Amino acid sequence: MAEPRFLPLPDVATELNVSESQVYHMVRSGELPAIKIGGRGQWRVERVRLEQYIEQKYAETAAWVAQNPLITPDPE
């Protein structure tokens, strides 16, 4: 069975291991692209967009780590 193209916010929260309210905030702020569908306007995140978001966060984290190296004391 193929994975669904669109994920509801609770599934996105599970994928990212964060709360549903955090995902809702990311969607409402525009940080994580999503669409509203159906008569009740339920949010859905396209799986491809979620993967792109994760890759973007990896790149941002790598840049932050490069700019903020961990300084260890000299072993003297």
PDB file of N, CA and C in Angstrom:
ATOM      1  N   MET A   1       0.836  -1.187   0.000  1.00  0.00           N
ATOM      2  CA  MET A   1       0.000   0.000   0.000  1.00  0.00           C
ATOM      3  C   MET A   1       0.884   1.255   0.000  1.00  0.00           C
ATOM      4  N   ALA A   2       0.575   2.189  -0.862  1.00  0.00           N
ATOM      5  CA  ALA A   2       1.361   3.414  -0.992  1.00  0.00           C
ATOM      6  C   ALA A   2       1.099   4.357   0.177  1.00  0.00           C
ATOM      7  N   GLU A   3       2.119   5.132   0.515  1.00  0.00           N
ATOM      8  CA  GLU A   3       1.950   6.135   1.563  1.00  0.00           C
ATOM      9  C   GLU A   3       1.044   7.238   1.042  1.00  0.00           C
ATOM     10  N   PRO A   4       0.226   7.822   1.916  1.00  0.00           N
ATOM     11  CA  PRO A   4      -0.644   8.901   1.456  1.00  0.00           C
ATOM     12  C   PRO A   4       0.160  10.130   1.057  1.00  0.00           C
ATOM     13  N   ARG A   5      -0.340  10.851   0.060  1.00  0.00           N
ATOM     14  CA  ARG A   5       0.332  12.053  -0.407  1.00  0.00           C
ATOM     15  C   ARG A   5       0.233  13.177   0.614  1.00  0.00           C
ATOM     16  N   PHE A   6      -0.941  13.294   1.263  1.00  0.00           N
ATOM     17  CA  PHE A   6      -1.175  14.358   2.232  1.00  0.00           C
ATOM     18  C   PHE A   6      -1.348  13.783   3.628  1.00  0.00           C
ATOM     19  N   LEU A   7      -0.768  14.471   4.607  1.00  0.00           N
ATOM     20  CA  LEU A   7      -0.818  14.022   5.993  1.00  0.00           C
ATOM     21  C   LEU A   7      -1.611  15.001   6.844  1.00  0.00           C
ATOM     22  N   PRO A   8      -2.460  14.490   7.745  1.00  0.00           N
ATOM     23  CA  PRO A   8      -3.109  15.380   8.707  1.00  0.00           C
ATOM     24  C   PRO A   8      -2.083  15.839   9.745  1.00  0.00           C
ATOM     25  N   LEU A   9      -2.378  16.937  10.422  1.00  0.00           N
ATOM     26  CA  LEU A   9      -1.421  17.502  11.376  1.00  0.00           C
ATOM     27  C   LEU A   9      -1.002  16.525  12.478  1.00  0.00           C
ATOM     28  N   PRO A  10      -1.912  15.689  13.008  1.00  0.00           N
ATOM     29  CA  PRO A  10      -1.435  14.735  14.028  1.00  0.00           C
ATOM     30  C   PRO A  10      -0.359  13.782  13.504  1.00  0.00           C
ATOM     31  N   ASP A  11      -0.469  13.386  12.236  1.00  0.00           N
ATOM     32  CA  ASP A  11       0.553  12.507  11.651  1.00  0.00           C
ATOM     33  C   ASP A  11       1.881  13.251  11.458  1.00  0.00           C
ATOM     34  N   VAL A  12       1.796  14.526  11.084  1.00  0.00           N
ATOM     35  CA  VAL A  12       3.006  15.340  10.945  1.00  0.00           C
ATOM     36  C   VAL A  12       3.682  15.482  12.304  1.00  0.00           C
ATOM     37  N   ALA A  13       2.876  15.709  13.346  1.00  0.00           N
ATOM     38  CA  ALA A  13       3.422  15.824  14.699  1.00  0.00           C
ATOM     39  C   ALA A  13       4.150  14.547  15.101  1.00  0.00           C
ATOM     40  N   THR A  14       3.577  13.412  14.755  1.00  0.00           N
ATOM     41  CA  THR A  14       4.217  12.129  15.060  1.00  0.00           C
ATOM     42  C   THR A  14       5.532  12.000  14.300  1.00  0.00           C
ATOM     43  N   GLU A  15       5.526  12.350  13.016  1.00  0.00           N
ATOM     44  CA  GLU A  15       6.749  12.260  12.197  1.00  0.00           C
ATOM     45  C   GLU A  15       7.868  13.118  12.779  1.00  0.00           C
ATOM     46  N   LEU A  16       7.517  14.323  13.258  1.00  0.00           N
ATOM     47  CA  LEU A  16       8.524  15.251  13.773  1.00  0.00           C
ATOM     48  C   LEU A  16       8.780  15.092  15.268  1.00  0.00           C
ATOM     49  N   ASN A  17       7.985  14.243  15.909  1.00  0.00           N
ATOM     50  CA  ASN A  17       8.094  14.013  17.355  1.00  0.00           C
ATOM     51  C   ASN A  17       7.926  15.322  18.143  1.00  0.00           C
ATOM     52  N   VAL A  18       6.899  16.069  17.759  1.00  0.00           N
ATOM     53  CA  VAL A  18       6.531  17.309  18.442  1.00  0.00           C
ATOM     54  C   VAL A  18       5.022  17.273  18.701  1.00  0.00           C
ATOM     55  N   SER A  19       4.522  18.269  19.416  1.00  0.00           N
ATOM     56  CA  SER A  19       3.087  18.305  19.704  1.00  0.00           C
ATOM     57  C   SER A  19       2.298  18.785  18.487  1.00  0.00           C
ATOM     58  N   GLU A  20       1.012  18.445  18.492  1.00  0.00           N
ATOM     59  CA  GLU A  20       0.136  18.904  17.420  1.00  0.00           C
ATOM     60  C   GLU A  20       0.046  20.425  17.412  1.00  0.00           C
ATOM     61  N   SER A  21       0.063  21.040  18.587  1.00  0.00           N
ATOM     62  CA  SER A  21      -0.020  22.505  18.640  1.00  0.00           C
ATOM     63  C   SER A  21       1.224  23.141  18.026  1.00  0.00           C
ATOM     64  N   GLN A  22       2.380  22.515  18.168  1.00  0.00           N
ATOM     65  CA  GLN A  22       3.593  23.041  17.530  1.00  0.00           C
ATOM     66  C   GLN A  22       3.474  22.976  16.007  1.00  0.00           C
ATOM     67  N   VAL A  23       2.944  21.875  15.503  1.00  0.00           N
ATOM     68  CA  VAL A  23       2.764  21.739  14.056  1.00  0.00           C
ATOM     69  C   VAL A  23       1.756  22.769  13.565  1.00  0.00           C
ATOM     70  N   TYR A  24       0.666  22.951  14.299  1.00  0.00           N
ATOM     71  CA  TYR A  24      -0.346  23.935  13.921  1.00  0.00           C
ATOM     72  C   TYR A  24       0.295  25.325  13.838  1.00  0.00           C
ATOM     73  N   HIS A  25       1.123  25.668  14.802  1.00  0.00           N
ATOM     74  CA  HIS A  25       1.797  26.968  14.788  1.00  0.00           C
ATOM     75  C   HIS A  25       2.732  27.087  13.578  1.00  0.00           C
ATOM     76  N   MET A  26       3.476  26.022  13.255  1.00  0.00           N
ATOM     77  CA  MET A  26       4.373  26.054  12.101  1.00  0.00           C
ATOM     78  C   MET A  26       3.595  26.262  10.806  1.00  0.00           C
ATOM     79  N   VAL A  27       2.422  25.635  10.719  1.00  0.00           N
ATOM     80  CA  VAL A  27       1.585  25.771   9.532  1.00  0.00           C
ATOM     81  C   VAL A  27       0.987  27.174   9.459  1.00  0.00           C
ATOM     82  N   ARG A  28       0.426  27.650  10.559  1.00  0.00           N
ATOM     83  CA  ARG A  28      -0.221  28.972  10.564  1.00  0.00           C
ATOM     84  C   ARG A  28       0.775  30.104  10.340  1.00  0.00           C
ATOM     85  N   SER A  29       2.013  29.930  10.780  1.00  0.00           N
ATOM     86  CA  SER A  29       3.026  30.966  10.594  1.00  0.00           C
ATOM     87  C   SER A  29       3.624  30.942   9.186  1.00  0.00           C
ATOM     88  N   GLY A  30       3.351  29.859   8.431  1.00  0.00           N
ATOM     89  CA  GLY A  30       3.910  29.724   7.093  1.00  0.00           C
ATOM     90  C   GLY A  30       5.256  29.017   7.070  1.00  0.00           C
ATOM     91  N   GLU A  31       5.747  28.632   8.231  1.00  0.00           N
ATOM     92  CA  GLU A  31       7.034  27.939   8.301  1.00  0.00           C
ATOM     93  C   GLU A  31       6.975  26.590   7.583  1.00  0.00           C
ATOM     94  N   LEU A  32       5.861  25.896   7.746  1.00  0.00           N
ATOM     95  CA  LEU A  32       5.649  24.594   7.114  1.00  0.00           C
ATOM     96  C   LEU A  32       4.487  24.730   6.138  1.00  0.00           C
ATOM     97  N   PRO A  33       4.738  24.580   4.823  1.00  0.00           N
ATOM     98  CA  PRO A  33       3.659  24.733   3.847  1.00  0.00           C
ATOM     99  C   PRO A  33       2.572  23.682   4.037  1.00  0.00           C
ATOM    100  N   ALA A  34       1.318  24.129   3.955  1.00  0.00           N
ATOM    101  CA  ALA A  34       0.170  23.240   4.107  1.00  0.00           C
ATOM    102  C   ALA A  34      -1.011  23.808   3.344  1.00  0.00           C
ATOM    103  N   ILE A  35      -2.043  22.993   3.192  1.00  0.00           N
ATOM    104  CA  ILE A  35      -3.268  23.438   2.549  1.00  0.00           C
ATOM    105  C   ILE A  35      -4.448  23.121   3.460  1.00  0.00           C
ATOM    106  N   LYS A  36      -5.531  23.870   3.266  1.00  0.00           N
ATOM    107  CA  LYS A  36      -6.786  23.594   3.959  1.00  0.00           C
ATOM    108  C   LYS A  36      -7.727  22.989   2.937  1.00  0.00           C
ATOM    109  N   ILE A  37      -8.334  21.862   3.301  1.00  0.00           N
ATOM    110  CA  ILE A  37      -9.236  21.197   2.360  1.00  0.00           C
ATOM    111  C   ILE A  37     -10.512  20.784   3.078  1.00  0.00           C
ATOM    112  N   GLY A  38     -11.518  20.489   2.292  1.00  0.00           N
ATOM    113  CA  GLY A  38     -12.766  19.995   2.827  1.00  0.00           C
ATOM    114  C   GLY A  38     -13.658  21.090   3.390  1.00  0.00           C
ATOM    115  N   GLY A  39     -14.885  20.714   3.671  1.00  0.00           N
ATOM    116  CA  GLY A  39     -15.878  21.645   4.182  1.00  0.00           C
ATOM    117  C   GLY A  39     -15.513  22.226   5.532  1.00  0.00           C
ATOM    118  N   ARG A  40     -14.782  21.462   6.331  1.00  0.00           N
ATOM    119  CA  ARG A  40     -14.380  21.943   7.654  1.00  0.00           C
ATOM    120  C   ARG A  40     -13.000  22.586   7.634  1.00  0.00           C
ATOM    121  N   GLY A  41     -12.392  22.660   6.474  1.00  0.00           N
ATOM    122  CA  GLY A  41     -11.093  23.319   6.340  1.00  0.00           C
ATOM    123  C   GLY A  41      -9.998  22.662   7.147  1.00  0.00           C
ATOM    124  N   GLN A  42      -9.863  21.349   6.990  1.00  0.00           N
ATOM    125  CA  GLN A  42      -8.828  20.635   7.726  1.00  0.00           C
ATOM    126  C   GLN A  42      -7.480  20.808   7.037  1.00  0.00           C
ATOM    127  N   TRP A  43      -6.455  21.002   7.862  1.00  0.00           N
ATOM    128  CA  TRP A  43      -5.102  21.202   7.349  1.00  0.00           C
ATOM    129  C   TRP A  43      -4.496  19.881   6.909  1.00  0.00           C
ATOM    130  N   ARG A  44      -3.762  19.934   5.804  1.00  0.00           N
ATOM    131  CA  ARG A  44      -3.003  18.790   5.310  1.00  0.00           C
ATOM    132  C   ARG A  44      -1.640  19.278   4.849  1.00  0.00           C
ATOM    133  N   VAL A  45      -0.628  18.461   5.109  1.00  0.00           N
ATOM    134  CA  VAL A  45       0.738  18.751   4.681  1.00  0.00           C
ATOM    135  C   VAL A  45       1.138  17.676   3.673  1.00  0.00           C
ATOM    136  N   GLU A  46       1.586  18.118   2.524  1.00  0.00           N
ATOM    137  CA  GLU A  46       2.029  17.172   1.507  1.00  0.00           C
ATOM    138  C   GLU A  46       3.333  16.525   1.974  1.00  0.00           C
ATOM    139  N   ARG A  47       3.401  15.210   1.837  1.00  0.00           N
ATOM    140  CA  ARG A  47       4.574  14.472   2.305  1.00  0.00           C
ATOM    141  C   ARG A  47       5.873  15.034   1.708  1.00  0.00           C
ATOM    142  N   VAL A  48       5.859  15.379   0.436  1.00  0.00           N
ATOM    143  CA  VAL A  48       7.054  15.927  -0.222  1.00  0.00           C
ATOM    144  C   VAL A  48       7.467  17.231   0.465  1.00  0.00           C
ATOM    145  N   ARG A  49       6.489  18.083   0.798  1.00  0.00           N
ATOM    146  CA  ARG A  49       6.794  19.349   1.472  1.00  0.00           C
ATOM    147  C   ARG A  49       7.362  19.110   2.861  1.00  0.00           C
ATOM    148  N   LEU A  50       6.857  18.096   3.551  1.00  0.00           N
ATOM    149  CA  LEU A  50       7.378  17.748   4.870  1.00  0.00           C
ATOM    150  C   LEU A  50       8.831  17.310   4.763  1.00  0.00           C
ATOM    151  N   GLU A  51       9.149  16.488   3.778  1.00  0.00           N
ATOM    152  CA  GLU A  51      10.522  16.039   3.585  1.00  0.00           C
ATOM    153  C   GLU A  51      11.438  17.222   3.233  1.00  0.00           C
ATOM    154  N   GLN A  52      10.935  18.147   2.410  1.00  0.00           N
ATOM    155  CA  GLN A  52      11.720  19.341   2.079  1.00  0.00           C
ATOM    156  C   GLN A  52      11.957  20.182   3.326  1.00  0.00           C
ATOM    157  N   TYR A  53      10.945  20.300   4.167  1.00  0.00           N
ATOM    158  CA  TYR A  53      11.064  21.052   5.417  1.00  0.00           C
ATOM    159  C   TYR A  53      12.144  20.431   6.309  1.00  0.00           C
ATOM    160  N   ILE A  54      12.130  19.119   6.412  1.00  0.00           N
ATOM    161  CA  ILE A  54      13.127  18.421   7.229  1.00  0.00           C
ATOM    162  C   ILE A  54      14.530  18.664   6.675  1.00  0.00           C
ATOM    163  N   GLU A  55      14.697  18.555   5.358  1.00  0.00           N
ATOM    164  CA  GLU A  55      16.002  18.806   4.744  1.00  0.00           C
ATOM    165  C   GLU A  55      16.452  20.246   4.995  1.00  0.00           C
ATOM    166  N   GLN A  56      15.526  21.191   4.913  1.00  0.00           N
ATOM    167  CA  GLN A  56      15.843  22.598   5.184  1.00  0.00           C
ATOM    168  C   GLN A  56      16.330  22.760   6.624  1.00  0.00           C
ATOM    169  N   LYS A  57      15.685  22.094   7.550  1.00  0.00           N
ATOM    170  CA  LYS A  57      16.081  22.190   8.958  1.00  0.00           C
ATOM    171  C   LYS A  57      17.458  21.566   9.179  1.00  0.00           C
ATOM    172  N   TYR A  58      17.770  20.480   8.475  1.00  0.00           N
ATOM    173  CA  TYR A  58      19.118  19.908   8.558  1.00  0.00           C
ATOM    174  C   TYR A  58      20.157  20.922   8.081  1.00  0.00           C
ATOM    175  N   ALA A  59      19.879  21.587   6.958  1.00  0.00           N
ATOM    176  CA  ALA A  59      20.813  22.575   6.417  1.00  0.00           C
ATOM    177  C   ALA A  59      20.978  23.752   7.373  1.00  0.00           C
ATOM    178  N   GLU A  60      19.869  24.231   7.930  1.00  0.00           N
ATOM    179  CA  GLU A  60      19.934  25.345   8.886  1.00  0.00           C
ATOM    180  C   GLU A  60      20.729  24.951  10.130  1.00  0.00           C
ATOM    181  N   THR A  61      20.527  23.738  10.597  1.00  0.00           N
ATOM    182  CA  THR A  61      21.246  23.261  11.775  1.00  0.00           C
ATOM    183  C   THR A  61      22.737  23.137  11.484  1.00  0.00           C
ATOM    184  N   ALA A  62      23.080  22.601  10.317  1.00  0.00           N
ATOM    185  CA  ALA A  62      24.497  22.470   9.942  1.00  0.00           C
ATOM    186  C   ALA A  62      25.162  23.837   9.871  1.00  0.00           C
ATOM    187  N   ALA A  63      24.461  24.824   9.307  1.00  0.00           N
ATOM    188  CA  ALA A  63      25.022  26.174   9.228  1.00  0.00           C
ATOM    189  C   ALA A  63      25.204  26.754  10.626  1.00  0.00           C
ATOM    190  N   TRP A  64      24.229  26.521  11.503  1.00  0.00           N
ATOM    191  CA  TRP A  64      24.334  27.030  12.876  1.00  0.00           C
ATOM    192  C   TRP A  64      25.511  26.390  13.602  1.00  0.00           C
ATOM    193  N   VAL A  65      25.677  25.079  13.442  1.00  0.00           N
ATOM    194  CA  VAL A  65      26.783  24.371  14.092  1.00  0.00           C
ATOM    195  C   VAL A  65      28.120  24.895  13.578  1.00  0.00           C
ATOM    196  N   ALA A  66      28.206  25.151  12.274  1.00  0.00           N
ATOM    197  CA  ALA A  66      29.454  25.665  11.701  1.00  0.00           C
ATOM    198  C   ALA A  66      29.787  27.054  12.249  1.00  0.00           C
ATOM    199  N   GLN A  67      28.767  27.848  12.521  1.00  0.00           N
ATOM    200  CA  GLN A  67      28.984  29.203  13.037  1.00  0.00           C
ATOM    201  C   GLN A  67      29.166  29.235  14.551  1.00  0.00           C
ATOM    202  N   ASN A  68      28.804  28.155  15.216  1.00  0.00           N
ATOM    203  CA  ASN A  68      28.876  28.087  16.675  1.00  0.00           C
ATOM    204  C   ASN A  68      29.575  26.798  17.092  1.00  0.00           C
ATOM    205  N   PRO A  69      30.891  26.707  16.830  1.00  0.00           N
ATOM    206  CA  PRO A  69      31.597  25.451  17.135  1.00  0.00           C
ATOM    207  C   PRO A  69      31.611  25.174  18.642  1.00  0.00           C
ATOM    208  N   LEU A  70      31.585  23.910  18.955  1.00  0.00           N
ATOM    209  CA  LEU A  70      31.695  23.471  20.333  1.00  0.00           C
ATOM    210  C   LEU A  70      33.150  23.621  20.741  1.00  0.00           C
ATOM    211  N   ILE A  71      33.380  24.386  21.756  1.00  0.00           N
ATOM    212  CA  ILE A  71      34.744  24.632  22.210  1.00  0.00           C
ATOM    213  C   ILE A  71      35.005  23.716  23.414  1.00  0.00           C
ATOM    214  N   THR A  72      36.005  22.872  23.244  1.00  0.00           N
ATOM    215  CA  THR A  72      36.358  21.970  24.343  1.00  0.00           C
ATOM    216  C   THR A  72      37.623  22.470  25.012  1.00  0.00           C
ATOM    217  N   PRO A  73      37.723  22.294  26.311  1.00  0.00           N
ATOM    218  CA  PRO A  73      38.940  22.746  27.006  1.00  0.00           C
ATOM    219  C   PRO A  73      40.159  21.941  26.569  1.00  0.00           C
ATOM    220  N   ASP A  74      41.328  22.588  26.629  1.00  0.00           N
ATOM    221  CA  ASP A  74      42.579  21.905  26.304  1.00  0.00           C
ATOM    222  C   ASP A  74      42.813  20.787  27.324  1.00  0.00           C
ATOM    223  N   PRO A  75      43.310  19.641  26.852  1.00  0.00           N
ATOM    224  CA  PRO A  75      43.533  18.508  27.778  1.00  0.00           C
ATOM    225  C   PRO A  75      44.785  18.660  28.634  1.00  0.00           C
ATOM    226  N   GLU A  76      45.405  19.806  28.690  1.00  0.00           N
ATOM    227  CA  GLU A  76      46.655  19.989  29.444  1.00  0.00           C
ATOM    228  C   GLU A  76      46.468  19.768  30.891  1.00  0.00           C
TER     229      GLU A  76
END
